[in-house]
PDB file of N, CA and C in Angstrom:
ATOM      1  N   MET A   1     -24.559  56.230  -6.879  1.00  0.00           N
ATOM      2  CA  MET A   1     -24.457  56.802  -8.203  1.00  0.00           C
ATOM      3  C   MET A   1     -24.021  58.262  -8.094  1.00  0.00           C
ATOM      4  N   VAL A   2     -23.127  58.710  -8.995  1.00  0.00           N
ATOM      5  CA  VAL A   2     -22.593  60.074  -8.990  1.00  0.00           C
ATOM      6  C   VAL A   2     -23.531  60.972  -9.793  1.00  0.00           C
ATOM      7  N   PRO A   3     -23.915  62.140  -9.227  1.00  0.00           N
ATOM      8  CA  PRO A   3     -24.792  63.044  -9.984  1.00  0.00           C
ATOM      9  C   PRO A   3     -24.051  63.613 -11.193  1.00  0.00           C
ATOM     10  N   LEU A   4     -24.791  63.826 -12.274  1.00  0.00           N
ATOM     11  CA  LEU A   4     -24.208  64.342 -13.509  1.00  0.00           C
ATOM     12  C   LEU A   4     -24.085  65.851 -13.509  1.00  0.00           C
ATOM     13  N   THR A   5     -24.821  66.539 -12.670  1.00  0.00           N
ATOM     14  CA  THR A   5     -24.744  67.996 -12.614  1.00  0.00           C
ATOM     15  C   THR A   5     -24.181  68.408 -11.263  1.00  0.00           C
ATOM     16  N   ALA A   6     -23.457  69.491 -11.277  1.00  0.00           N
ATOM     17  CA  ALA A   6     -22.874  70.007 -10.037  1.00  0.00           C
ATOM     18  C   ALA A   6     -23.862  70.960  -9.389  1.00  0.00           C
ATOM     19  N   GLY A   7     -23.935  70.878  -8.095  1.00  0.00           N
ATOM     20  CA  GLY A   7     -24.783  71.788  -7.345  1.00  0.00           C
ATOM     21  C   GLY A   7     -23.991  72.999  -6.897  1.00  0.00           C
ATOM     22  N   PRO A   8     -24.661  73.963  -6.243  1.00  0.00           N
ATOM     23  CA  PRO A   8     -23.987  75.178  -5.785  1.00  0.00           C
ATOM     24  C   PRO A   8     -22.859  74.889  -4.795  1.00  0.00           C
ATOM     25  N   GLU A   9     -23.015  73.851  -3.973  1.00  0.00           N
ATOM     26  CA  GLU A   9     -21.967  73.507  -3.013  1.00  0.00           C
ATOM     27  C   GLU A   9     -20.701  73.063  -3.738  1.00  0.00           C
ATOM     28  N   ASP A  10     -20.887  72.302  -4.825  1.00  0.00           N
ATOM     29  CA  ASP A  10     -19.741  71.838  -5.608  1.00  0.00           C
ATOM     30  C   ASP A  10     -19.030  73.022  -6.259  1.00  0.00           C
ATOM     31  N   ASP A  11     -19.798  73.996  -6.764  1.00  0.00           N
ATOM     32  CA  ASP A  11     -19.207  75.190  -7.379  1.00  0.00           C
ATOM     33  C   ASP A  11     -18.399  75.976  -6.361  1.00  0.00           C
ATOM     34  N   GLU A  12     -18.938  76.132  -5.149  1.00  0.00           N
ATOM     35  CA  GLU A  12     -18.240  76.881  -4.106  1.00  0.00           C
ATOM     36  C   GLU A  12     -16.952  76.178  -3.696  1.00  0.00           C
ATOM     37  N   SER A  13     -16.987  74.872  -3.565  1.00  0.00           N
ATOM     38  CA  SER A  13     -15.766  74.155  -3.175  1.00  0.00           C
ATOM     39  C   SER A  13     -14.723  74.215  -4.291  1.00  0.00           C
ATOM     40  N   GLU A  14     -15.174  74.171  -5.533  1.00  0.00           N
ATOM     41  CA  GLU A  14     -14.256  74.280  -6.675  1.00  0.00           C
ATOM     42  C   GLU A  14     -13.626  75.669  -6.712  1.00  0.00           C
ATOM     43  N   VAL A  15     -14.413  76.701  -6.474  1.00  0.00           N
ATOM     44  CA  VAL A  15     -13.894  78.074  -6.455  1.00  0.00           C
ATOM     45  C   VAL A  15     -12.860  78.208  -5.330  1.00  0.00           C
ATOM     46  N   GLY A  16     -13.153  77.659  -4.176  1.00  0.00           N
ATOM     47  CA  GLY A  16     -12.207  77.703  -3.061  1.00  0.00           C
ATOM     48  C   GLY A  16     -10.913  76.981  -3.375  1.00  0.00           C
ATOM     49  N   ARG A  17     -11.039  75.820  -4.000  1.00  0.00           N
ATOM     50  CA  ARG A  17      -9.852  75.055  -4.382  1.00  0.00           C
ATOM     51  C   ARG A  17      -9.010  75.818  -5.393  1.00  0.00           C
ATOM     52  N   LEU A  18      -9.679  76.440  -6.372  1.00  0.00           N
ATOM     53  CA  LEU A  18      -8.960  77.209  -7.393  1.00  0.00           C
ATOM     54  C   LEU A  18      -8.289  78.446  -6.800  1.00  0.00           C
ATOM     55  N   ARG A  19      -8.939  79.097  -5.847  1.00  0.00           N
ATOM     56  CA  ARG A  19      -8.329  80.254  -5.185  1.00  0.00           C
ATOM     57  C   ARG A  19      -7.071  79.836  -4.421  1.00  0.00           C
ATOM     58  N   ALA A  20      -7.163  78.725  -3.705  1.00  0.00           N
ATOM     59  CA  ALA A  20      -6.008  78.233  -2.949  1.00  0.00           C
ATOM     60  C   ALA A  20      -4.856  77.880  -3.894  1.00  0.00           C
ATOM     61  N   GLU A  21      -5.191  77.242  -5.001  1.00  0.00           N
ATOM     62  CA  GLU A  21      -4.164  76.892  -5.985  1.00  0.00           C
ATOM     63  C   GLU A  21      -3.541  78.139  -6.581  1.00  0.00           C
ATOM     64  N   ASN A  22      -4.352  79.141  -6.873  1.00  0.00           N
ATOM     65  CA  ASN A  22      -3.871  80.406  -7.415  1.00  0.00           C
ATOM     66  C   ASN A  22      -2.918  81.085  -6.432  1.00  0.00           C
ATOM     67  N   ASP A  23      -3.284  81.110  -5.154  1.00  0.00           N
ATOM     68  CA  ASP A  23      -2.424  81.708  -4.133  1.00  0.00           C
ATOM     69  C   ASP A  23      -1.093  80.968  -4.042  1.00  0.00           C
ATOM     70  N   GLN A  24      -1.150  79.650  -4.089  1.00  0.00           N
ATOM     71  CA  GLN A  24       0.069  78.848  -4.016  1.00  0.00           C
ATOM     72  C   GLN A  24       0.977  79.135  -5.215  1.00  0.00           C
ATOM     73  N   LEU A  25       0.404  79.238  -6.396  1.00  0.00           N
ATOM     74  CA  LEU A  25       1.204  79.526  -7.596  1.00  0.00           C
ATOM     75  C   LEU A  25       1.818  80.919  -7.534  1.00  0.00           C
ATOM     76  N   ARG A  26       1.096  81.885  -7.014  1.00  0.00           N
ATOM     77  CA  ARG A  26       1.641  83.246  -6.859  1.00  0.00           C
ATOM     78  C   ARG A  26       2.834  83.241  -5.907  1.00  0.00           C
ATOM     79  N   ARG A  27       2.709  82.528  -4.793  1.00  0.00           N
ATOM     80  CA  ARG A  27       3.824  82.445  -3.841  1.00  0.00           C
ATOM     81  C   ARG A  27       5.032  81.755  -4.484  1.00  0.00           C
ATOM     82  N   ALA A  28       4.773  80.711  -5.241  1.00  0.00           N
ATOM     83  CA  ALA A  28       5.863  79.985  -5.896  1.00  0.00           C
ATOM     84  C   ALA A  28       6.586  80.877  -6.899  1.00  0.00           C
ATOM     85  N   LEU A  29       5.837  81.651  -7.662  1.00  0.00           N
ATOM     86  CA  LEU A  29       6.466  82.562  -8.630  1.00  0.00           C
ATOM     87  C   LEU A  29       7.282  83.628  -7.925  1.00  0.00           C
ATOM     88  N   GLY A  30       6.769  84.155  -6.830  1.00  0.00           N
ATOM     89  CA  GLY A  30       7.509  85.150  -6.062  1.00  0.00           C
ATOM     90  C   GLY A  30       8.782  84.572  -5.480  1.00  0.00           C
ATOM     91  N   SER A  31       8.706  83.364  -4.953  1.00  0.00           N
ATOM     92  CA  SER A  31       9.891  82.699  -4.401  1.00  0.00           C
ATOM     93  C   SER A  31      10.909  82.446  -5.498  1.00  0.00           C
ATOM     94  N   ARG A  32      10.429  82.038  -6.650  1.00  0.00           N
ATOM     95  CA  ARG A  32      11.337  81.715  -7.757  1.00  0.00           C
ATOM     96  C   ARG A  32      12.129  82.936  -8.193  1.00  0.00           C
ATOM     97  N   ALA A  33      11.494  84.104  -8.222  1.00  0.00           N
ATOM     98  CA  ALA A  33      12.192  85.329  -8.616  1.00  0.00           C
ATOM     99  C   ALA A  33      13.317  85.641  -7.634  1.00  0.00           C
ATOM    100  N   VAL A  34      13.047  85.499  -6.345  1.00  0.00           N
ATOM    101  CA  VAL A  34      14.068  85.760  -5.329  1.00  0.00           C
ATOM    102  C   VAL A  34      15.192  84.731  -5.430  1.00  0.00           C
ATOM    103  N   ILE A  35      14.835  83.480  -5.635  1.00  0.00           N
ATOM    104  CA  ILE A  35      15.852  82.429  -5.766  1.00  0.00           C
ATOM    105  C   ILE A  35      16.725  82.697  -6.988  1.00  0.00           C
ATOM    106  N   ASP A  36      16.125  83.095  -8.099  1.00  0.00           N
ATOM    107  CA  ASP A  36      16.904  83.394  -9.301  1.00  0.00           C
ATOM    108  C   ASP A  36      17.883  84.544  -9.056  1.00  0.00           C
ATOM    109  N   ARG A  37      17.452  85.566  -8.322  1.00  0.00           N
ATOM    110  CA  ARG A  37      18.341  86.686  -7.989  1.00  0.00           C
ATOM    111  C   ARG A  37      19.501  86.197  -7.124  1.00  0.00           C
ATOM    112  N   ALA A  38      19.200  85.345  -6.164  1.00  0.00           N
ATOM    113  CA  ALA A  38      20.250  84.822  -5.286  1.00  0.00           C
ATOM    114  C   ALA A  38      21.235  83.961  -6.071  1.00  0.00           C
ATOM    115  N   VAL A  39      20.753  83.171  -7.008  1.00  0.00           N
ATOM    116  CA  VAL A  39      21.646  82.364  -7.860  1.00  0.00           C
ATOM    117  C   VAL A  39      22.591  83.296  -8.610  1.00  0.00           C
ATOM    118  N   GLY A  40      22.053  84.370  -9.155  1.00  0.00           N
ATOM    119  CA  GLY A  40      22.883  85.345  -9.863  1.00  0.00           C
ATOM    120  C   GLY A  40      23.930  85.975  -8.955  1.00  0.00           C
ATOM    121  N   MET A  41      23.557  86.252  -7.719  1.00  0.00           N
ATOM    122  CA  MET A  41      24.509  86.825  -6.773  1.00  0.00           C
ATOM    123  C   MET A  41      25.640  85.842  -6.470  1.00  0.00           C
ATOM    124  N   VAL A  42      25.293  84.585  -6.242  1.00  0.00           N
ATOM    125  CA  VAL A  42      26.324  83.573  -5.971  1.00  0.00           C
ATOM    126  C   VAL A  42      27.236  83.429  -7.180  1.00  0.00           C
ATOM    127  N   MET A  43      26.655  83.442  -8.381  1.00  0.00           N
ATOM    128  CA  MET A  43      27.455  83.339  -9.602  1.00  0.00           C
ATOM    129  C   MET A  43      28.455  84.490  -9.691  1.00  0.00           C
ATOM    130  N   ALA A  44      28.015  85.688  -9.331  1.00  0.00           N
ATOM    131  CA  ALA A  44      28.882  86.859  -9.425  1.00  0.00           C
ATOM    132  C   ALA A  44      29.932  86.883  -8.319  1.00  0.00           C
ATOM    133  N   LEU A  45      29.575  86.414  -7.144  1.00  0.00           N
ATOM    134  CA  LEU A  45      30.475  86.515  -5.997  1.00  0.00           C
ATOM    135  C   LEU A  45      31.524  85.420  -5.935  1.00  0.00           C
ATOM    136  N   THR A  46      31.226  84.223  -6.477  1.00  0.00           N
ATOM    137  CA  THR A  46      32.179  83.126  -6.245  1.00  0.00           C
ATOM    138  C   THR A  46      33.335  83.037  -7.235  1.00  0.00           C
ATOM    139  N   PRO A  47      33.359  83.309  -8.467  1.00  0.00           N
ATOM    140  CA  PRO A  47      32.372  83.129  -9.531  1.00  0.00           C
ATOM    141  C   PRO A  47      32.236  81.647  -9.899  1.00  0.00           C
ATOM    142  N   CYS A  48      31.044  81.311 -10.354  1.00  0.00           N
ATOM    143  CA  CYS A  48      30.760  79.935 -10.748  1.00  0.00           C
ATOM    144  C   CYS A  48      29.569  79.944 -11.705  1.00  0.00           C
ATOM    145  N   PRO A  49      29.332  78.845 -12.418  1.00  0.00           N
ATOM    146  CA  PRO A  49      28.174  78.767 -13.309  1.00  0.00           C
ATOM    147  C   PRO A  49      26.877  78.577 -12.518  1.00  0.00           C
ATOM    148  N   GLY A  50      25.770  78.732 -13.205  1.00  0.00           N
ATOM    149  CA  GLY A  50      24.459  78.681 -12.573  1.00  0.00           C
ATOM    150  C   GLY A  50      24.148  77.391 -11.849  1.00  0.00           C
ATOM    151  N   ASP A  51      24.529  76.253 -12.416  1.00  0.00           N
ATOM    152  CA  ASP A  51      24.208  74.991 -11.746  1.00  0.00           C
ATOM    153  C   ASP A  51      24.974  74.841 -10.440  1.00  0.00           C
ATOM    154  N   VAL A  52      26.190  75.354 -10.395  1.00  0.00           N
ATOM    155  CA  VAL A  52      26.972  75.298  -9.161  1.00  0.00           C
ATOM    156  C   VAL A  52      26.386  76.273  -8.140  1.00  0.00           C
ATOM    157  N   ALA A  53      25.981  77.463  -8.587  1.00  0.00           N
ATOM    158  CA  ALA A  53      25.372  78.443  -7.687  1.00  0.00           C
ATOM    159  C   ALA A  53      24.080  77.891  -7.090  1.00  0.00           C
ATOM    160  N   TRP A  54      23.285  77.227  -7.907  1.00  0.00           N
ATOM    161  CA  TRP A  54      22.052  76.588  -7.415  1.00  0.00           C
ATOM    162  C   TRP A  54      22.397  75.561  -6.337  1.00  0.00           C
ATOM    163  N   ALA A  55      23.404  74.738  -6.603  1.00  0.00           N
ATOM    164  CA  ALA A  55      23.802  73.711  -5.647  1.00  0.00           C
ATOM    165  C   ALA A  55      24.298  74.335  -4.340  1.00  0.00           C
ATOM    166  N   VAL A  56      24.980  75.472  -4.421  1.00  0.00           N
ATOM    167  CA  VAL A  56      25.439  76.173  -3.214  1.00  0.00           C
ATOM    168  C   VAL A  56      24.242  76.577  -2.364  1.00  0.00           C
ATOM    169  N   LEU A  57      23.215  77.151  -3.001  1.00  0.00           N
ATOM    170  CA  LEU A  57      22.028  77.563  -2.247  1.00  0.00           C
ATOM    171  C   LEU A  57      21.301  76.367  -1.644  1.00  0.00           C
ATOM    172  N   VAL A  58      21.214  75.288  -2.391  1.00  0.00           N
ATOM    173  CA  VAL A  58      20.552  74.085  -1.874  1.00  0.00           C
ATOM    174  C   VAL A  58      21.323  73.539  -0.667  1.00  0.00           C
ATOM    175  N   ARG A  59      22.655  73.451  -0.791  1.00  0.00           N
ATOM    176  CA  ARG A  59      23.454  72.947   0.335  1.00  0.00           C
ATOM    177  C   ARG A  59      23.363  73.880   1.536  1.00  0.00           C
ATOM    178  N   ALA A  60      23.391  75.184   1.299  1.00  0.00           N
ATOM    179  CA  ALA A  60      23.266  76.144   2.405  1.00  0.00           C
ATOM    180  C   ALA A  60      21.928  75.963   3.109  1.00  0.00           C
ATOM    181  N   SER A  61      20.894  75.725   2.333  1.00  0.00           N
ATOM    182  CA  SER A  61      19.570  75.474   2.901  1.00  0.00           C
ATOM    183  C   SER A  61      19.590  74.232   3.784  1.00  0.00           C
ATOM    184  N   GLN A  62      20.230  73.194   3.301  1.00  0.00           N
ATOM    185  CA  GLN A  62      20.314  71.939   4.058  1.00  0.00           C
ATOM    186  C   GLN A  62      21.195  72.093   5.292  1.00  0.00           C
ATOM    187  N   TYR A  63      22.365  72.719   5.130  1.00  0.00           N
ATOM    188  CA  TYR A  63      23.283  72.891   6.257  1.00  0.00           C
ATOM    189  C   TYR A  63      22.659  73.741   7.356  1.00  0.00           C
ATOM    190  N   GLY A  64      21.952  74.788   6.953  1.00  0.00           N
ATOM    191  CA  GLY A  64      21.358  75.686   7.935  1.00  0.00           C
ATOM    192  C   GLY A  64      19.983  75.267   8.392  1.00  0.00           C
ATOM    193  N   ASN A  65      19.451  74.205   7.786  1.00  0.00           N
ATOM    194  CA  ASN A  65      18.087  73.744   8.079  1.00  0.00           C
ATOM    195  C   ASN A  65      17.088  74.894   7.919  1.00  0.00           C
ATOM    196  N   VAL A  66      17.236  75.595   6.793  1.00  0.00           N
ATOM    197  CA  VAL A  66      16.410  76.755   6.459  1.00  0.00           C
ATOM    198  C   VAL A  66      15.860  76.522   5.058  1.00  0.00           C
ATOM    199  N   LYS A  67      14.633  76.928   4.829  1.00  0.00           N
ATOM    200  CA  LYS A  67      14.049  76.762   3.493  1.00  0.00           C
ATOM    201  C   LYS A  67      14.880  77.532   2.467  1.00  0.00           C
ATOM    202  N   LEU A  68      14.979  76.955   1.272  1.00  0.00           N
ATOM    203  CA  LEU A  68      15.763  77.559   0.198  1.00  0.00           C
ATOM    204  C   LEU A  68      15.309  78.982  -0.074  1.00  0.00           C
ATOM    205  N   ARG A  69      14.015  79.207  -0.122  1.00  0.00           N
ATOM    206  CA  ARG A  69      13.520  80.554  -0.414  1.00  0.00           C
ATOM    207  C   ARG A  69      13.935  81.543   0.675  1.00  0.00           C
ATOM    208  N   ASP A  70      14.079  81.072   1.930  1.00  0.00           N
ATOM    209  CA  ASP A  70      14.503  81.951   3.023  1.00  0.00           C
ATOM    210  C   ASP A  70      15.997  82.266   2.935  1.00  0.00           C
ATOM    211  N   VAL A  71      16.812  81.289   2.537  1.00  0.00           N
ATOM    212  CA  VAL A  71      18.235  81.548   2.306  1.00  0.00           C
ATOM    213  C   VAL A  71      18.381  82.582   1.200  1.00  0.00           C
ATOM    214  N   ALA A  72      17.648  82.375   0.105  1.00  0.00           N
ATOM    215  CA  ALA A  72      17.718  83.300  -1.027  1.00  0.00           C
ATOM    216  C   ALA A  72      17.254  84.695  -0.627  1.00  0.00           C
ATOM    217  N   ALA A  73      16.158  84.780   0.093  1.00  0.00           N
ATOM    218  CA  ALA A  73      15.626  86.082   0.504  1.00  0.00           C
ATOM    219  C   ALA A  73      16.612  86.812   1.414  1.00  0.00           C
ATOM    220  N   ALA A  74      17.267  86.088   2.314  1.00  0.00           N
ATOM    221  CA  ALA A  74      18.247  86.711   3.210  1.00  0.00           C
ATOM    222  C   ALA A  74      19.441  87.231   2.422  1.00  0.00           C
ATOM    223  N   LEU A  75      19.895  86.474   1.436  1.00  0.00           N
ATOM    224  CA  LEU A  75      21.026  86.900   0.616  1.00  0.00           C
ATOM    225  C   LEU A  75      20.673  88.144  -0.187  1.00  0.00           C
ATOM    226  N   VAL A  76      19.504  88.138  -0.808  1.00  0.00           N
ATOM    227  CA  VAL A  76      19.065  89.294  -1.597  1.00  0.00           C
ATOM    228  C   VAL A  76      18.884  90.513  -0.693  1.00  0.00           C
ATOM    229  N   ALA A  77      18.288  90.321   0.471  1.00  0.00           N
ATOM    230  CA  ALA A  77      18.083  91.439   1.403  1.00  0.00           C
ATOM    231  C   ALA A  77      19.420  92.025   1.851  1.00  0.00           C
ATOM    232  N   SER A  78      20.428  91.174   2.005  1.00  0.00           N
ATOM    233  CA  SER A  78      21.734  91.686   2.424  1.00  0.00           C
ATOM    234  C   SER A  78      22.351  92.566   1.344  1.00  0.00           C
ATOM    235  N   ALA A  79      22.082  92.263   0.089  1.00  0.00           N
ATOM    236  CA  ALA A  79      22.589  93.091  -1.005  1.00  0.00           C
ATOM    237  C   ALA A  79      21.872  94.434  -1.056  1.00  0.00           C
ATOM    238  N   GLU A  80      20.685  94.478  -0.473  1.00  0.00           N
ATOM    239  CA  GLU A  80      19.900  95.715  -0.450  1.00  0.00           C
ATOM    240  C   GLU A  80      20.105  96.469   0.856  1.00  0.00           C
ATOM    241  N   GLY A  81      21.144  96.079   1.625  1.00  0.00           N
ATOM    242  CA  GLY A  81      21.485  96.808   2.839  1.00  0.00           C
ATOM    243  C   GLY A  81      21.084  96.148   4.139  1.00  0.00           C
ATOM    244  N   GLY A  82      20.350  95.058   4.076  1.00  0.00           N
ATOM    245  CA  GLY A  82      19.945  94.362   5.299  1.00  0.00           C
ATOM    246  C   GLY A  82      21.061  93.468   5.811  1.00  0.00           C
ATOM    247  N   PRO A  83      20.980  93.080   7.067  1.00  0.00           N
ATOM    248  CA  PRO A  83      22.007  92.183   7.605  1.00  0.00           C
ATOM    249  C   PRO A  83      21.791  90.747   7.119  1.00  0.00           C
ATOM    250  N   LEU A  84      22.880  90.040   6.907  1.00  0.00           N
ATOM    251  CA  LEU A  84      22.804  88.622   6.565  1.00  0.00           C
ATOM    252  C   LEU A  84      22.876  87.852   7.875  1.00  0.00           C
ATOM    253  N   PRO A  85      21.817  87.128   8.241  1.00  0.00           N
ATOM    254  CA  PRO A  85      21.838  86.400   9.514  1.00  0.00           C
ATOM    255  C   PRO A  85      23.059  85.485   9.612  1.00  0.00           C
ATOM    256  N   ALA A  86      23.624  85.419  10.806  1.00  0.00           N
ATOM    257  CA  ALA A  86      24.849  84.645  11.021  1.00  0.00           C
ATOM    258  C   ALA A  86      24.693  83.191  10.587  1.00  0.00           C
ATOM    259  N   GLY A  87      23.555  82.574  10.889  1.00  0.00           N
ATOM    260  CA  GLY A  87      23.343  81.179  10.506  1.00  0.00           C
ATOM    261  C   GLY A  87      23.344  80.988   9.001  1.00  0.00           C
ATOM    262  N   VAL A  88      22.735  81.916   8.285  1.00  0.00           N
ATOM    263  CA  VAL A  88      22.714  81.837   6.821  1.00  0.00           C
ATOM    264  C   VAL A  88      24.116  82.075   6.279  1.00  0.00           C
ATOM    265  N   ARG A  89      24.836  83.046   6.860  1.00  0.00           N
ATOM    266  CA  ARG A  89      26.207  83.324   6.416  1.00  0.00           C
ATOM    267  C   ARG A  89      27.078  82.084   6.588  1.00  0.00           C
ATOM    268  N   GLN A  90      26.999  81.452   7.747  1.00  0.00           N
ATOM    269  CA  GLN A  90      27.813  80.260   8.011  1.00  0.00           C
ATOM    270  C   GLN A  90      27.457  79.128   7.046  1.00  0.00           C
ATOM    271  N   ALA A  91      26.169  78.949   6.790  1.00  0.00           N
ATOM    272  CA  ALA A  91      25.737  77.892   5.873  1.00  0.00           C
ATOM    273  C   ALA A  91      26.227  78.171   4.458  1.00  0.00           C
ATOM    274  N   LEU A  92      26.188  79.441   4.032  1.00  0.00           N
ATOM    275  CA  LEU A  92      26.661  79.795   2.690  1.00  0.00           C
ATOM    276  C   LEU A  92      28.167  79.578   2.567  1.00  0.00           C
ATOM    277  N   VAL A  93      28.909  79.953   3.591  1.00  0.00           N
ATOM    278  CA  VAL A  93      30.357  79.743   3.555  1.00  0.00           C
ATOM    279  C   VAL A  93      30.666  78.245   3.479  1.00  0.00           C
ATOM    280  N   ARG A  94      29.987  77.469   4.290  1.00  0.00           N
ATOM    281  CA  ARG A  94      30.193  76.021   4.296  1.00  0.00           C
ATOM    282  C   ARG A  94      29.823  75.399   2.950  1.00  0.00           C
ATOM    283  N   ALA A  95      28.796  75.947   2.299  1.00  0.00           N
ATOM    284  CA  ALA A  95      28.296  75.376   1.045  1.00  0.00           C
ATOM    285  C   ALA A  95      29.035  75.890  -0.180  1.00  0.00           C
ATOM    286  N   SER A  96      29.850  76.933  -0.034  1.00  0.00           N
ATOM    287  CA  SER A  96      30.518  77.537  -1.187  1.00  0.00           C
ATOM    288  C   SER A  96      31.427  76.542  -1.884  1.00  0.00           C
ATOM    289  N   PRO A  97      31.470  76.635  -3.211  1.00  0.00           N
ATOM    290  CA  PRO A  97      32.323  75.703  -3.957  1.00  0.00           C
ATOM    291  C   PRO A  97      33.790  76.058  -3.763  1.00  0.00           C
ATOM    292  N   PRO A  98      34.679  75.076  -3.854  1.00  0.00           N
ATOM    293  CA  PRO A  98      36.105  75.381  -3.806  1.00  0.00           C
ATOM    294  C   PRO A  98      36.485  76.256  -4.997  1.00  0.00           C
ATOM    295  N   ARG A  99      37.567  76.972  -4.880  1.00  0.00           N
ATOM    296  CA  ARG A  99      38.021  77.817  -5.994  1.00  0.00           C
ATOM    297  C   ARG A  99      38.271  76.966  -7.228  1.00  0.00           C
ATOM    298  N   GLY A 100      37.902  77.507  -8.374  1.00  0.00           N
ATOM    299  CA  GLY A 100      38.155  76.821  -9.626  1.00  0.00           C
ATOM    300  C   GLY A 100      37.149  75.751  -9.989  1.00  0.00           C
ATOM    301  N   VAL A 101      36.032  75.668  -9.272  1.00  0.00           N
ATOM    302  CA  VAL A 101      35.033  74.650  -9.594  1.00  0.00           C
ATOM    303  C   VAL A 101      34.210  75.119 -10.785  1.00  0.00           C
ATOM    304  N   ARG A 102      33.956  74.217 -11.696  1.00  0.00           N
ATOM    305  CA  ARG A 102      33.118  74.517 -12.850  1.00  0.00           C
ATOM    306  C   ARG A 102      31.927  73.584 -12.847  1.00  0.00           C
ATOM    307  N   SER A 103      31.075  73.723 -13.833  1.00  0.00           N
ATOM    308  CA  SER A 103      29.931  72.836 -13.958  1.00  0.00           C
ATOM    309  C   SER A 103      30.415  71.395 -14.001  1.00  0.00           C
ATOM    310  N   GLY A 104      29.774  70.527 -13.256  1.00  0.00           N
ATOM    311  CA  GLY A 104      30.195  69.148 -13.174  1.00  0.00           C
ATOM    312  C   GLY A 104      31.043  68.874 -11.946  1.00  0.00           C
ATOM    313  N   GLY A 105      31.448  69.941 -11.252  1.00  0.00           N
ATOM    314  CA  GLY A 105      32.110  69.789  -9.971  1.00  0.00           C
ATOM    315  C   GLY A 105      33.612  69.571 -10.028  1.00  0.00           C
ATOM    316  N   GLY A 106      34.214  69.432 -11.212  1.00  0.00           N
ATOM    317  CA  GLY A 106      35.644  69.201 -11.278  1.00  0.00           C
ATOM    318  C   GLY A 106      36.432  70.496 -11.367  1.00  0.00           C
ATOM    319  N   PRO A 107      37.743  70.428 -11.146  1.00  0.00           N
ATOM    320  CA  PRO A 107      38.558  71.637 -11.272  1.00  0.00           C
ATOM    321  C   PRO A 107      38.675  72.044 -12.732  1.00  0.00           C
ATOM    322  N   ARG A 108      38.967  73.289 -12.938  1.00  0.00           N
ATOM    323  CA  ARG A 108      39.143  73.767 -14.317  1.00  0.00           C
ATOM    324  C   ARG A 108      40.470  73.218 -14.875  1.00  0.00           C
ATOM    325  N   PRO A 109      40.466  72.898 -16.146  1.00  0.00           N
ATOM    326  CA  PRO A 109      41.724  72.448 -16.751  1.00  0.00           C
ATOM    327  C   PRO A 109      42.748  73.570 -16.737  1.00  0.00           C
ATOM    328  N   PRO A 110      44.042  73.261 -16.678  1.00  0.00           N
ATOM    329  CA  PRO A 110      45.078  74.288 -16.693  1.00  0.00           C
ATOM    330  C   PRO A 110      44.951  75.170 -17.932  1.00  0.00           C
ATOM    331  N   GLY A 111      45.187  76.455 -17.749  1.00  0.00           N
ATOM    332  CA  GLY A 111      45.164  77.390 -18.859  1.00  0.00           C
ATOM    333  C   GLY A 111      43.787  77.871 -19.272  1.00  0.00           C
ATOM    334  N   THR A 112      42.721  77.502 -18.520  1.00  0.00           N
ATOM    335  CA  THR A 112      41.363  77.936 -18.903  1.00  0.00           C
ATOM    336  C   THR A 112      40.852  79.032 -17.991  1.00  0.00           C
ATOM    337  N   GLY A 113      41.664  79.560 -17.112  1.00  0.00           N
ATOM    338  CA  GLY A 113      41.219  80.622 -16.213  1.00  0.00           C
ATOM    339  C   GLY A 113      40.578  80.034 -14.978  1.00  0.00           C
ATOM    340  N   GLY A 114      40.026  80.938 -14.169  1.00  0.00           N
ATOM    341  CA  GLY A 114      39.310  80.458 -13.003  1.00  0.00           C
ATOM    342  C   GLY A 114      40.033  80.726 -11.781  1.00  0.00           C
TER     343      GLY A 114
END
């Protein structure tokens, strides 16, 4: 039979679980901010829309076998004067969209720029 009231041990384990969850959410929010900055950088540098920039970062992560947040952090750090690691650079170049790619992956229609 399950007790209806929680004891002090249950409270302590719940507090520990909530602290761990809180830490995980803080890390996720921090990673998301860096990833969003990197998406913006890819959009400005290639140029391409946000969904294509996101896909570039995801592919670079896969090609380089590096976590997405680490690819993003390296790209952002390079804009702030840090070196872009060669492996990340190669993965980003390999993952970059062809010229004229728009959302949906197709070429831009003639006369629409790009």
